[in-house]
Amino acid sequence: MPRLPNRPAGMRVRRDRSGTATYYLMRRDGTKLALGKNFQLACSLWVQEQRALVKLAHPATALELLRGFEQCSLPFTKVRAAALRSNEIEVLTAYFSKQNDPALEAIQGEEDFLTWYSDDSRSSAPDTAIRLFRMMWQFALQLELVNISCPWSTLDLRKRQLKAEAADVVRQFSSSPLKEFLEELLTAKTAIASGPSAHVEPGYAECLRVELAHAVTRATLMLRKSGRTDLLAPVFQLEIDDLIALRHSPVLALCRPPGKIFVNHQRVEVLASLKAANKASDRAAELIALREV
């Protein structure tokens, strides 16, 4: 008998004497909903049934919406994907529980979530949890549970991480005042509080830009020598305004490189020397072989 597919909760299967499967769902009132013989179509009908139940229940809080979204989600076929989704759900559950399960209309922007996430010292990135919440909100819009746009914006943490990595590289080739600015950026445990102190004087900003241009020239030269061409574009595109924005971002601690990016070596030259020595050795072996013949 063939292996049963990964069926969603409540879906049952009955096989006739020829082995043909027929899927059905037992409702809470004891009635049976026929889902047909095609598994993909049966899953689609199962989702429709669950969505109808959730819409009837009309979840009004964050945790209620999360449970409704889970109720309508098909199981993952891959273990890793299921584990990642479970972690994302756990993160959102912990956050909204900490917020006393707010009503959907009362959910604030993602800045509060990112601040909580940084303080909670979690190992995974927050952008996947934000992506899941936006999917949940789209789900709520489709079921007409809400009529306002999602309060959380998309977050591309990798772009900020690249800027932080580029800043770490540039720091190694910078001088004052840029060096002190980058040291503060890359060692602060949390974002520098915004407000009047967040303003950068035009003269100071221009001084930083001039020093950044010199440091970028030195950094790109060393990146090429060390073989780290993957960081050339982020370093070359680095702007002072980007660094100032990152300095006051709630995801600053999540973007910082885990260790110093070491580029002060001659990897390209060393590899070229090794290849040349290897070719010379091969050539010598060929000459010896020819002489023996």
Protein backbone atom coordinates (compact mmCIF):
# COMPACT_ATOMS: atom_id res chain seq x y z
CA MET A 1 0.00 0.00 0.00
CA PRO A 2 1.43 3.46 -0.92
CA ARG A 3 2.54 5.80 1.86
CA LEU A 4 -0.13 8.24 3.07
CA PRO A 5 0.60 11.90 2.24
CA ASN A 6 1.17 14.46 4.97
CA ARG A 7 -2.47 15.20 5.70
CA PRO A 8 -3.65 18.31 7.58
CA ALA A 9 -5.37 18.02 10.96
CA GLY A 10 -8.76 16.37 10.83
CA MET A 11 -8.47 15.11 7.27
CA ARG A 12 -9.21 11.39 7.05
CA VAL A 13 -8.82 8.88 4.26
CA ARG A 14 -10.77 5.81 3.25
CA ARG A 15 -9.50 3.28 0.71
CA ASP A 16 -11.59 0.92 -1.36
CA ARG A 17 -10.57 -2.62 -2.32
CA SER A 18 -8.50 -1.36 -5.26
CA GLY A 19 -6.52 0.93 -2.96
CA THR A 20 -8.01 4.17 -4.27
CA ALA A 21 -8.06 6.84 -1.55
CA THR A 22 -11.03 9.07 -0.80
CA TYR A 23 -10.46 12.01 1.55
CA TYR A 24 -13.00 13.50 3.91
CA LEU A 25 -13.25 15.76 6.94
CA MET A 26 -15.26 15.16 10.08
CA ARG A 27 -16.79 18.43 11.25
CA ARG A 28 -17.21 19.29 14.89
CA ASP A 29 -20.96 18.68 14.69
CA GLY A 30 -20.32 15.13 13.51
CA THR A 31 -21.19 15.66 9.86
CA LYS A 32 -18.86 14.49 7.12
CA LEU A 33 -17.46 16.76 4.40
CA ALA A 34 -16.36 14.86 1.30
CA LEU A 35 -13.05 16.15 -0.10
CA GLY A 36 -12.70 13.89 -3.14
CA LYS A 37 -10.03 11.54 -4.39
CA ASN A 38 -7.44 14.12 -5.49
CA PHE A 39 -5.20 14.99 -2.53
CA GLN A 40 -4.28 18.50 -3.75
CA LEU A 41 -7.93 19.37 -4.31
CA ALA A 42 -8.79 17.85 -0.92
CA CYS A 43 -6.22 20.14 0.74
CA SER A 44 -7.71 23.17 -1.03
CA LEU A 45 -11.21 22.26 0.18
CA TRP A 46 -9.84 21.67 3.68
CA VAL A 47 -8.34 25.19 3.72
CA GLN A 48 -11.64 26.70 2.55
CA GLU A 49 -13.48 24.92 5.37
CA GLN A 50 -10.97 26.12 7.99
CA ARG A 51 -11.10 29.70 6.71
CA ALA A 52 -14.88 29.67 6.95
CA LEU A 53 -14.62 28.53 10.57
CA VAL A 54 -12.06 31.20 11.43
CA LYS A 55 -14.10 33.92 9.75
CA LEU A 56 -17.14 32.82 11.74
CA ALA A 57 -15.14 32.94 14.98
CA HIS A 58 -13.83 36.42 13.98
CA PRO A 59 -10.54 36.60 15.96
CA ALA A 60 -10.03 40.10 17.33
CA THR A 61 -6.64 39.95 19.07
CA ALA A 62 -3.10 39.18 17.96
CA LEU A 63 -2.94 35.73 19.56
CA GLU A 64 -6.41 34.81 18.31
CA LEU A 65 -5.35 35.74 14.79
CA LEU A 66 -2.17 33.70 15.17
CA ARG A 67 -4.18 30.64 16.23
CA GLY A 68 -6.61 31.16 13.34
CA PHE A 69 -3.75 31.43 10.87
CA GLU A 70 -2.25 28.20 12.23
CA GLN A 71 -5.62 26.50 11.96
CA CYS A 72 -5.78 27.25 8.23
CA SER A 73 -2.14 26.38 7.45
CA LEU A 74 -1.29 23.16 5.66
CA PRO A 75 1.51 21.05 7.17
CA PHE A 76 5.00 21.42 5.73
CA THR A 77 6.47 18.48 3.86
CA LYS A 78 10.03 19.27 4.99
CA VAL A 79 11.18 19.01 8.59
CA ARG A 80 13.41 22.09 8.42
CA ALA A 81 10.64 24.31 7.06
CA ALA A 82 8.28 23.07 9.78
CA ALA A 83 10.89 23.81 12.46
CA LEU A 84 11.46 27.34 11.13
CA ARG A 85 7.73 28.06 11.09
CA SER A 86 7.38 26.69 14.63
CA ASN A 87 10.14 29.03 15.78
CA GLU A 88 8.52 32.04 14.08
CA ILE A 89 5.18 31.25 15.75
CA GLU A 90 6.89 30.86 19.12
CA VAL A 91 8.56 34.28 18.72
CA LEU A 92 5.30 36.04 17.85
CA THR A 93 3.45 34.25 20.64
CA ALA A 94 6.06 35.34 23.19
CA TYR A 95 5.99 38.94 21.98
CA PHE A 96 2.23 39.39 21.87
CA SER A 97 1.87 37.62 25.23
CA LYS A 98 4.32 40.17 26.62
CA GLN A 99 2.13 42.89 25.09
CA ASN A 100 -0.96 41.44 26.85
CA ASP A 101 -2.48 40.19 23.58
CA PRO A 102 -3.46 43.55 22.00
CA ALA A 103 -6.50 44.00 19.78
CA LEU A 104 -5.67 43.93 16.08
CA GLU A 105 -6.39 47.66 15.67
CA ALA A 106 -4.09 48.47 18.62
CA ILE A 107 -0.95 46.72 17.33
CA GLN A 108 1.90 49.20 17.03
CA GLY A 109 4.69 49.35 14.43
CA GLU A 110 7.53 46.86 14.22
CA GLU A 111 9.93 49.14 16.14
CA ASP A 112 8.54 47.92 19.48
CA PHE A 113 8.89 44.32 18.34
CA LEU A 114 12.50 44.86 17.26
CA THR A 115 13.38 46.51 20.57
CA TRP A 116 11.84 43.59 22.47
CA TYR A 117 13.60 41.13 20.17
CA SER A 118 17.00 42.72 20.80
CA ASP A 119 16.47 42.77 24.56
CA ASP A 120 15.29 39.15 24.54
CA SER A 121 18.66 37.98 23.14
CA ARG A 122 17.28 35.53 20.60
CA SER A 123 19.66 33.76 18.24
CA SER A 124 17.60 33.79 15.03
CA ALA A 125 16.91 36.81 12.82
CA PRO A 126 13.69 38.81 13.39
CA ASP A 127 12.89 39.40 9.71
CA THR A 128 11.31 35.95 9.28
CA ALA A 129 8.94 36.59 12.19
CA ILE A 130 8.02 39.96 10.69
CA ARG A 131 7.38 38.27 7.36
CA LEU A 132 5.07 35.76 9.06
CA PHE A 133 3.15 38.54 10.81
CA ARG A 134 2.63 40.31 7.48
CA MET A 135 1.33 37.04 6.03
CA MET A 136 -1.07 36.78 8.97
CA TRP A 137 -2.28 40.32 8.37
CA GLN A 138 -2.89 39.57 4.70
CA PHE A 139 -4.85 36.53 5.86
CA ALA A 140 -6.93 38.80 8.13
CA LEU A 141 -7.58 41.21 5.25
CA GLN A 142 -8.76 38.37 3.02
CA LEU A 143 -11.23 37.22 5.69
CA GLU A 144 -12.32 40.84 6.31
CA LEU A 145 -11.22 40.66 9.94
CA VAL A 146 -9.44 44.03 9.56
CA ASN A 147 -9.72 46.87 7.08
CA ILE A 148 -6.42 48.72 7.67
CA SER A 149 -2.98 48.12 6.20
CA CYS A 150 -0.42 46.08 8.09
CA PRO A 151 1.24 48.10 10.87
CA TRP A 152 4.56 46.30 10.37
CA SER A 153 6.81 47.17 7.44
CA THR A 154 9.02 44.69 5.65
CA LEU A 155 12.51 44.25 7.06
CA ASP A 156 15.51 43.27 4.97
CA LEU A 157 18.01 42.64 7.73
CA ARG A 158 20.67 41.38 5.34
CA LYS A 159 21.08 44.83 3.76
CA ARG A 160 21.74 46.37 7.16
CA GLN A 161 24.12 43.53 8.02
CA LEU A 162 26.10 44.23 4.86
CA LYS A 163 26.35 47.91 5.81
CA ALA A 164 27.58 46.95 9.28
CA GLU A 165 30.16 44.56 7.77
CA ALA A 166 31.29 47.28 5.38
CA ALA A 167 31.57 49.72 8.28
CA ASP A 168 33.71 47.21 10.18
CA VAL A 169 36.07 46.92 7.21
CA VAL A 170 36.29 50.69 6.72
CA ARG A 171 36.94 51.22 10.43
CA GLN A 172 40.27 49.40 10.09
CA PHE A 173 41.49 51.98 7.54
CA SER A 174 39.92 55.14 8.96
CA SER A 175 41.25 57.90 11.16
CA SER A 176 39.63 60.41 13.49
CA PRO A 177 36.83 61.47 13.60
CA LEU A 178 35.41 58.65 11.46
CA LYS A 179 37.19 55.96 13.47
CA GLU A 180 35.60 57.10 16.73
CA PHE A 181 32.19 57.30 15.02
CA LEU A 182 32.49 53.72 13.71
CA GLU A 183 33.83 52.42 17.02
CA GLU A 184 30.71 53.74 18.73
CA LEU A 185 28.49 52.32 15.99
CA LEU A 186 29.96 48.82 16.14
CA THR A 187 30.39 48.46 19.90
CA ALA A 188 27.17 49.99 21.26
CA LYS A 189 24.93 47.27 22.70
CA THR A 190 21.77 49.09 21.60
CA ALA A 191 20.84 51.85 19.21
CA ILE A 192 21.90 55.38 20.11
CA ALA A 193 18.76 57.16 21.30
CA SER A 194 17.27 59.45 18.70
CA GLY A 195 16.21 63.01 19.38
CA PRO A 196 18.23 66.23 19.57
CA SER A 197 21.44 64.25 20.13
CA ALA A 198 20.79 62.32 16.91
CA HIS A 199 21.33 65.45 14.83
CA VAL A 200 24.73 65.58 13.11
CA GLU A 201 26.16 69.01 12.51
CA PRO A 202 26.75 69.74 8.79
CA GLY A 203 30.43 70.47 9.37
CA TYR A 204 30.96 67.22 11.28
CA ALA A 205 29.02 65.24 8.66
CA GLU A 206 31.14 66.71 5.85
CA CYS A 207 34.31 65.83 7.75
CA LEU A 208 33.05 62.26 8.08
CA ARG A 209 32.30 62.08 4.35
CA VAL A 210 35.78 63.23 3.41
CA GLU A 211 37.43 60.74 5.75
CA LEU A 212 35.08 58.00 4.53
CA ALA A 213 36.16 58.55 0.92
CA HIS A 214 39.83 58.13 1.89
CA ALA A 215 39.13 55.07 4.05
CA VAL A 216 37.04 53.41 1.33
CA THR A 217 39.91 53.78 -1.17
CA ARG A 218 42.32 52.05 1.22
CA ALA A 219 39.75 49.41 2.20
CA THR A 220 38.83 48.40 -1.36
CA LEU A 221 42.52 47.99 -2.23
CA MET A 222 43.04 45.65 0.71
CA LEU A 223 39.82 43.74 -0.01
CA ARG A 224 41.11 42.92 -3.48
CA LYS A 225 44.44 41.76 -2.07
CA SER A 226 42.74 39.60 0.55
CA GLY A 227 40.29 38.05 -1.93
CA ARG A 228 37.18 39.42 -0.18
CA THR A 229 35.59 40.71 -3.38
CA ASP A 230 32.14 39.99 -1.91
CA LEU A 231 32.53 43.08 0.29
CA LEU A 232 33.77 45.42 -2.44
CA ALA A 233 30.30 46.66 -3.48
CA PRO A 234 28.98 47.22 0.11
CA VAL A 235 32.15 49.13 1.05
CA PHE A 236 32.18 51.21 -2.14
CA GLN A 237 28.48 52.09 -1.74
CA LEU A 238 28.75 53.03 1.96
CA GLU A 239 27.37 56.48 2.80
CA ILE A 240 27.54 58.49 6.00
CA ASP A 241 23.76 58.94 5.98
CA ASP A 242 23.36 55.14 5.94
CA LEU A 243 25.65 54.82 8.96
CA ILE A 244 23.81 57.55 10.85
CA ALA A 245 20.49 55.79 10.19
CA LEU A 246 21.95 52.46 11.30
CA ARG A 247 23.33 54.12 14.42
CA HIS A 248 19.77 54.92 15.54
CA SER A 249 18.13 51.73 14.27
CA PRO A 250 16.53 49.30 16.76
CA VAL A 251 18.14 46.42 14.84
CA LEU A 252 21.68 47.74 15.35
CA ALA A 253 22.64 44.95 17.77
CA LEU A 254 21.24 42.35 15.36
CA CYS A 255 23.23 43.69 12.41
CA ARG A 256 26.66 43.87 14.01
CA PRO A 257 29.24 41.34 12.72
CA PRO A 258 29.91 38.57 15.28
CA GLY A 259 33.67 39.24 15.08
CA LYS A 260 36.22 41.47 13.42
CA ILE A 261 36.44 40.99 9.66
CA PHE A 262 40.15 40.37 9.04
CA VAL A 263 41.35 41.72 5.68
CA ASN A 264 44.91 42.78 6.45
CA HIS A 265 46.58 39.85 4.72
CA GLN A 266 47.83 38.95 1.24
CA ARG A 267 45.62 35.98 0.37
CA VAL A 268 45.62 36.62 -3.38
CA GLU A 269 49.41 36.93 -3.53
CA VAL A 270 49.93 33.85 -1.38
CA LEU A 271 47.60 31.76 -3.53
CA ALA A 272 49.27 33.00 -6.71
CA SER A 273 52.67 32.10 -5.27
CA LEU A 274 51.49 28.62 -4.30
CA LYS A 275 49.99 28.05 -7.75
CA ALA A 276 53.24 29.19 -9.42
CA ALA A 277 55.27 26.89 -7.20
CA ASN A 278 52.91 24.01 -7.97
CA LYS A 279 53.19 24.63 -11.73
CA ALA A 280 56.99 24.78 -11.48
CA SER A 281 57.00 21.50 -9.59
CA ASP A 282 54.76 19.87 -12.20
CA ARG A 283 56.99 21.16 -15.00
CA ALA A 284 60.10 19.81 -13.29
CA ALA A 285 58.43 16.42 -12.91
CA GLU A 286 57.55 16.42 -16.61
CA LEU A 287 61.17 17.20 -17.59
CA ILE A 288 62.47 14.40 -15.38
CA ALA A 289 59.98 11.98 -16.94
CA LEU A 290 61.06 13.00 -20.44
CA ARG A 291 64.74 12.49 -19.60
CA GLU A 292 64.03 9.02 -18.26
CA VAL A 293 62.25 8.12 -21.51
